[in-house]
Amino acid sequence: MYKIFILIFIPFIFSGCIVGTVVALPFKAVGAAVNTVAPDIVGDSISTVGNVTDAIIPF
């Protein structure tokens, strides 16, 4: 069972598919926080930077 888990997990480690999500996370979090104290357009602009970053980084 352990070997099957390792064989499934190794491609996910080397594919790097989470890098874009991790890079975009601070922008999305700050955008959500700014939405509570500033007009929506400001927070949405910051969140959009995170969304674009997540879409652009292919790995």
N, C-alpha and C. Protein backbone atom coordinates (compact mmCIF):
# COMPACT_ATOMS: atom_id res chain seq x y z
N MET A 1 0.83 -1.19 0.00
CA MET A 1 0.00 0.00 0.00
C MET A 1 0.87 1.26 0.00
N TYR A 2 1.94 1.24 0.78
CA TYR A 2 2.83 2.38 0.87
C TYR A 2 3.48 2.67 -0.48
N LYS A 3 3.85 1.63 -1.21
CA LYS A 3 4.49 1.81 -2.51
C LYS A 3 3.52 2.44 -3.51
N ILE A 4 2.27 2.07 -3.44
CA ILE A 4 1.27 2.65 -4.35
C ILE A 4 1.11 4.14 -4.06
N PHE A 5 1.07 4.49 -2.78
CA PHE A 5 0.96 5.90 -2.41
C PHE A 5 2.16 6.69 -2.93
N ILE A 6 3.34 6.16 -2.78
CA ILE A 6 4.55 6.83 -3.26
C ILE A 6 4.51 6.98 -4.78
N LEU A 7 4.09 5.95 -5.48
CA LEU A 7 4.03 6.02 -6.94
C LEU A 7 3.02 7.06 -7.42
N ILE A 8 1.97 7.26 -6.68
CA ILE A 8 0.97 8.27 -7.05
C ILE A 8 1.44 9.66 -6.65
N PHE A 9 2.12 9.78 -5.52
CA PHE A 9 2.51 11.07 -4.97
C PHE A 9 3.70 11.69 -5.69
N ILE A 10 4.63 10.90 -6.18
CA ILE A 10 5.85 11.42 -6.81
C ILE A 10 5.55 12.29 -8.04
N PRO A 11 4.66 11.92 -8.94
CA PRO A 11 4.38 12.83 -10.07
C PRO A 11 3.83 14.18 -9.64
N PHE A 12 3.05 14.22 -8.56
CA PHE A 12 2.54 15.50 -8.09
C PHE A 12 3.65 16.38 -7.53
N ILE A 13 4.64 15.78 -6.92
CA ILE A 13 5.75 16.54 -6.37
C ILE A 13 6.54 17.20 -7.50
N PHE A 14 6.82 16.44 -8.54
CA PHE A 14 7.67 16.96 -9.61
C PHE A 14 6.91 17.76 -10.66
N SER A 15 5.60 17.68 -10.67
CA SER A 15 4.85 18.47 -11.64
C SER A 15 4.81 19.93 -11.25
N GLY A 16 4.86 20.22 -9.96
CA GLY A 16 4.88 21.60 -9.50
C GLY A 16 3.57 22.32 -9.74
N CYS A 17 2.48 21.61 -9.81
CA CYS A 17 1.21 22.22 -10.16
C CYS A 17 0.68 23.17 -9.09
N ILE A 18 1.28 23.19 -7.94
CA ILE A 18 0.77 24.03 -6.87
C ILE A 18 1.53 25.36 -6.77
N VAL A 19 2.57 25.54 -7.54
CA VAL A 19 3.39 26.74 -7.44
C VAL A 19 2.58 28.00 -7.73
N GLY A 20 1.81 28.00 -8.79
CA GLY A 20 1.01 29.17 -9.13
C GLY A 20 0.00 29.51 -8.06
N THR A 21 -0.59 28.51 -7.47
CA THR A 21 -1.57 28.73 -6.40
C THR A 21 -0.91 29.32 -5.17
N VAL A 22 0.27 28.84 -4.84
CA VAL A 22 0.98 29.35 -3.66
C VAL A 22 1.42 30.79 -3.88
N VAL A 23 1.88 31.12 -5.07
CA VAL A 23 2.30 32.49 -5.37
C VAL A 23 1.11 33.43 -5.35
N ALA A 24 -0.04 32.97 -5.81
CA ALA A 24 -1.23 33.82 -5.89
C ALA A 24 -1.94 33.98 -4.55
N LEU A 25 -1.71 33.09 -3.62
CA LEU A 25 -2.43 33.10 -2.35
C LEU A 25 -2.31 34.41 -1.57
N PRO A 26 -1.12 35.00 -1.42
CA PRO A 26 -1.06 36.27 -0.68
C PRO A 26 -1.88 37.39 -1.32
N PHE A 27 -1.89 37.44 -2.64
CA PHE A 27 -2.67 38.48 -3.33
C PHE A 27 -4.16 38.28 -3.09
N LYS A 28 -4.60 37.04 -3.13
CA LYS A 28 -6.02 36.75 -2.91
C LYS A 28 -6.42 37.07 -1.47
N ALA A 29 -5.56 36.74 -0.52
CA ALA A 29 -5.86 37.00 0.89
C ALA A 29 -5.89 38.49 1.18
N VAL A 30 -4.91 39.22 0.67
CA VAL A 30 -4.88 40.67 0.89
C VAL A 30 -6.06 41.33 0.20
N GLY A 31 -6.41 40.87 -0.98
CA GLY A 31 -7.57 41.41 -1.68
C GLY A 31 -8.85 41.22 -0.90
N ALA A 32 -9.01 40.06 -0.29
CA ALA A 32 -10.20 39.81 0.52
C ALA A 32 -10.21 40.69 1.76
N ALA A 33 -9.05 40.89 2.37
CA ALA A 33 -8.97 41.74 3.56
C ALA A 33 -9.23 43.20 3.21
N VAL A 34 -8.70 43.65 2.10
CA VAL A 34 -8.89 45.05 1.69
C VAL A 34 -10.35 45.30 1.33
N ASN A 35 -11.04 44.30 0.82
CA ASN A 35 -12.45 44.46 0.48
C ASN A 35 -13.30 44.84 1.69
N THR A 36 -12.85 44.50 2.88
CA THR A 36 -13.64 44.81 4.07
C THR A 36 -13.49 46.26 4.51
N VAL A 37 -12.40 46.92 4.13
CA VAL A 37 -12.16 48.29 4.61
C VAL A 37 -12.12 49.33 3.49
N ALA A 38 -12.06 48.90 2.26
CA ALA A 38 -11.96 49.83 1.13
C ALA A 38 -13.05 49.50 0.12
N PRO A 39 -13.23 50.37 -0.85
CA PRO A 39 -14.21 50.05 -1.90
C PRO A 39 -13.86 48.73 -2.61
N ASP A 40 -14.89 48.08 -3.09
CA ASP A 40 -14.70 46.75 -3.70
C ASP A 40 -13.71 46.76 -4.86
N ILE A 41 -13.66 47.83 -5.61
CA ILE A 41 -12.78 47.85 -6.78
C ILE A 41 -11.31 47.71 -6.38
N VAL A 42 -10.95 48.23 -5.22
CA VAL A 42 -9.55 48.15 -4.77
C VAL A 42 -9.21 46.71 -4.41
N GLY A 43 -10.03 46.09 -3.58
CA GLY A 43 -9.77 44.70 -3.19
C GLY A 43 -9.88 43.74 -4.35
N ASP A 44 -10.84 44.00 -5.24
CA ASP A 44 -10.99 43.14 -6.41
C ASP A 44 -9.79 43.25 -7.34
N SER A 45 -9.21 44.43 -7.44
CA SER A 45 -8.02 44.61 -8.27
C SER A 45 -6.85 43.79 -7.73
N ILE A 46 -6.70 43.81 -6.42
CA ILE A 46 -5.62 43.03 -5.81
C ILE A 46 -5.87 41.54 -6.00
N SER A 47 -7.10 41.10 -5.81
CA SER A 47 -7.44 39.69 -6.01
C SER A 47 -7.24 39.27 -7.46
N THR A 48 -7.52 40.18 -8.38
CA THR A 48 -7.34 39.87 -9.80
C THR A 48 -5.88 39.62 -10.12
N VAL A 49 -4.98 40.36 -9.47
CA VAL A 49 -3.55 40.10 -9.66
C VAL A 49 -3.23 38.66 -9.27
N GLY A 50 -3.80 38.20 -8.17
CA GLY A 50 -3.60 36.82 -7.75
C GLY A 50 -4.17 35.83 -8.74
N ASN A 51 -5.35 36.11 -9.27
CA ASN A 51 -5.96 35.21 -10.25
C ASN A 51 -5.14 35.14 -11.53
N VAL A 52 -4.65 36.28 -11.98
CA VAL A 52 -3.83 36.31 -13.20
C VAL A 52 -2.52 35.58 -12.96
N THR A 53 -1.93 35.78 -11.81
CA THR A 53 -0.68 35.08 -11.48
C THR A 53 -0.90 33.58 -11.47
N ASP A 54 -2.01 33.15 -10.90
CA ASP A 54 -2.31 31.72 -10.85
C ASP A 54 -2.52 31.17 -12.26
N ALA A 55 -3.11 31.95 -13.13
CA ALA A 55 -3.36 31.49 -14.50
C ALA A 55 -2.09 31.50 -15.36
N ILE A 56 -1.21 32.46 -15.12
CA ILE A 56 -0.02 32.61 -15.96
C ILE A 56 1.05 31.57 -15.63
N ILE A 57 1.24 31.29 -14.35
CA ILE A 57 2.28 30.34 -13.96
C ILE A 57 1.79 28.93 -14.31
N PRO A 58 2.43 28.28 -15.25
CA PRO A 58 1.92 27.00 -15.75
C PRO A 58 2.26 25.80 -14.87
N PHE A 59 3.06 26.00 -13.86
CA PHE A 59 3.46 24.85 -13.04
C PHE A 59 3.16 25.09 -11.59
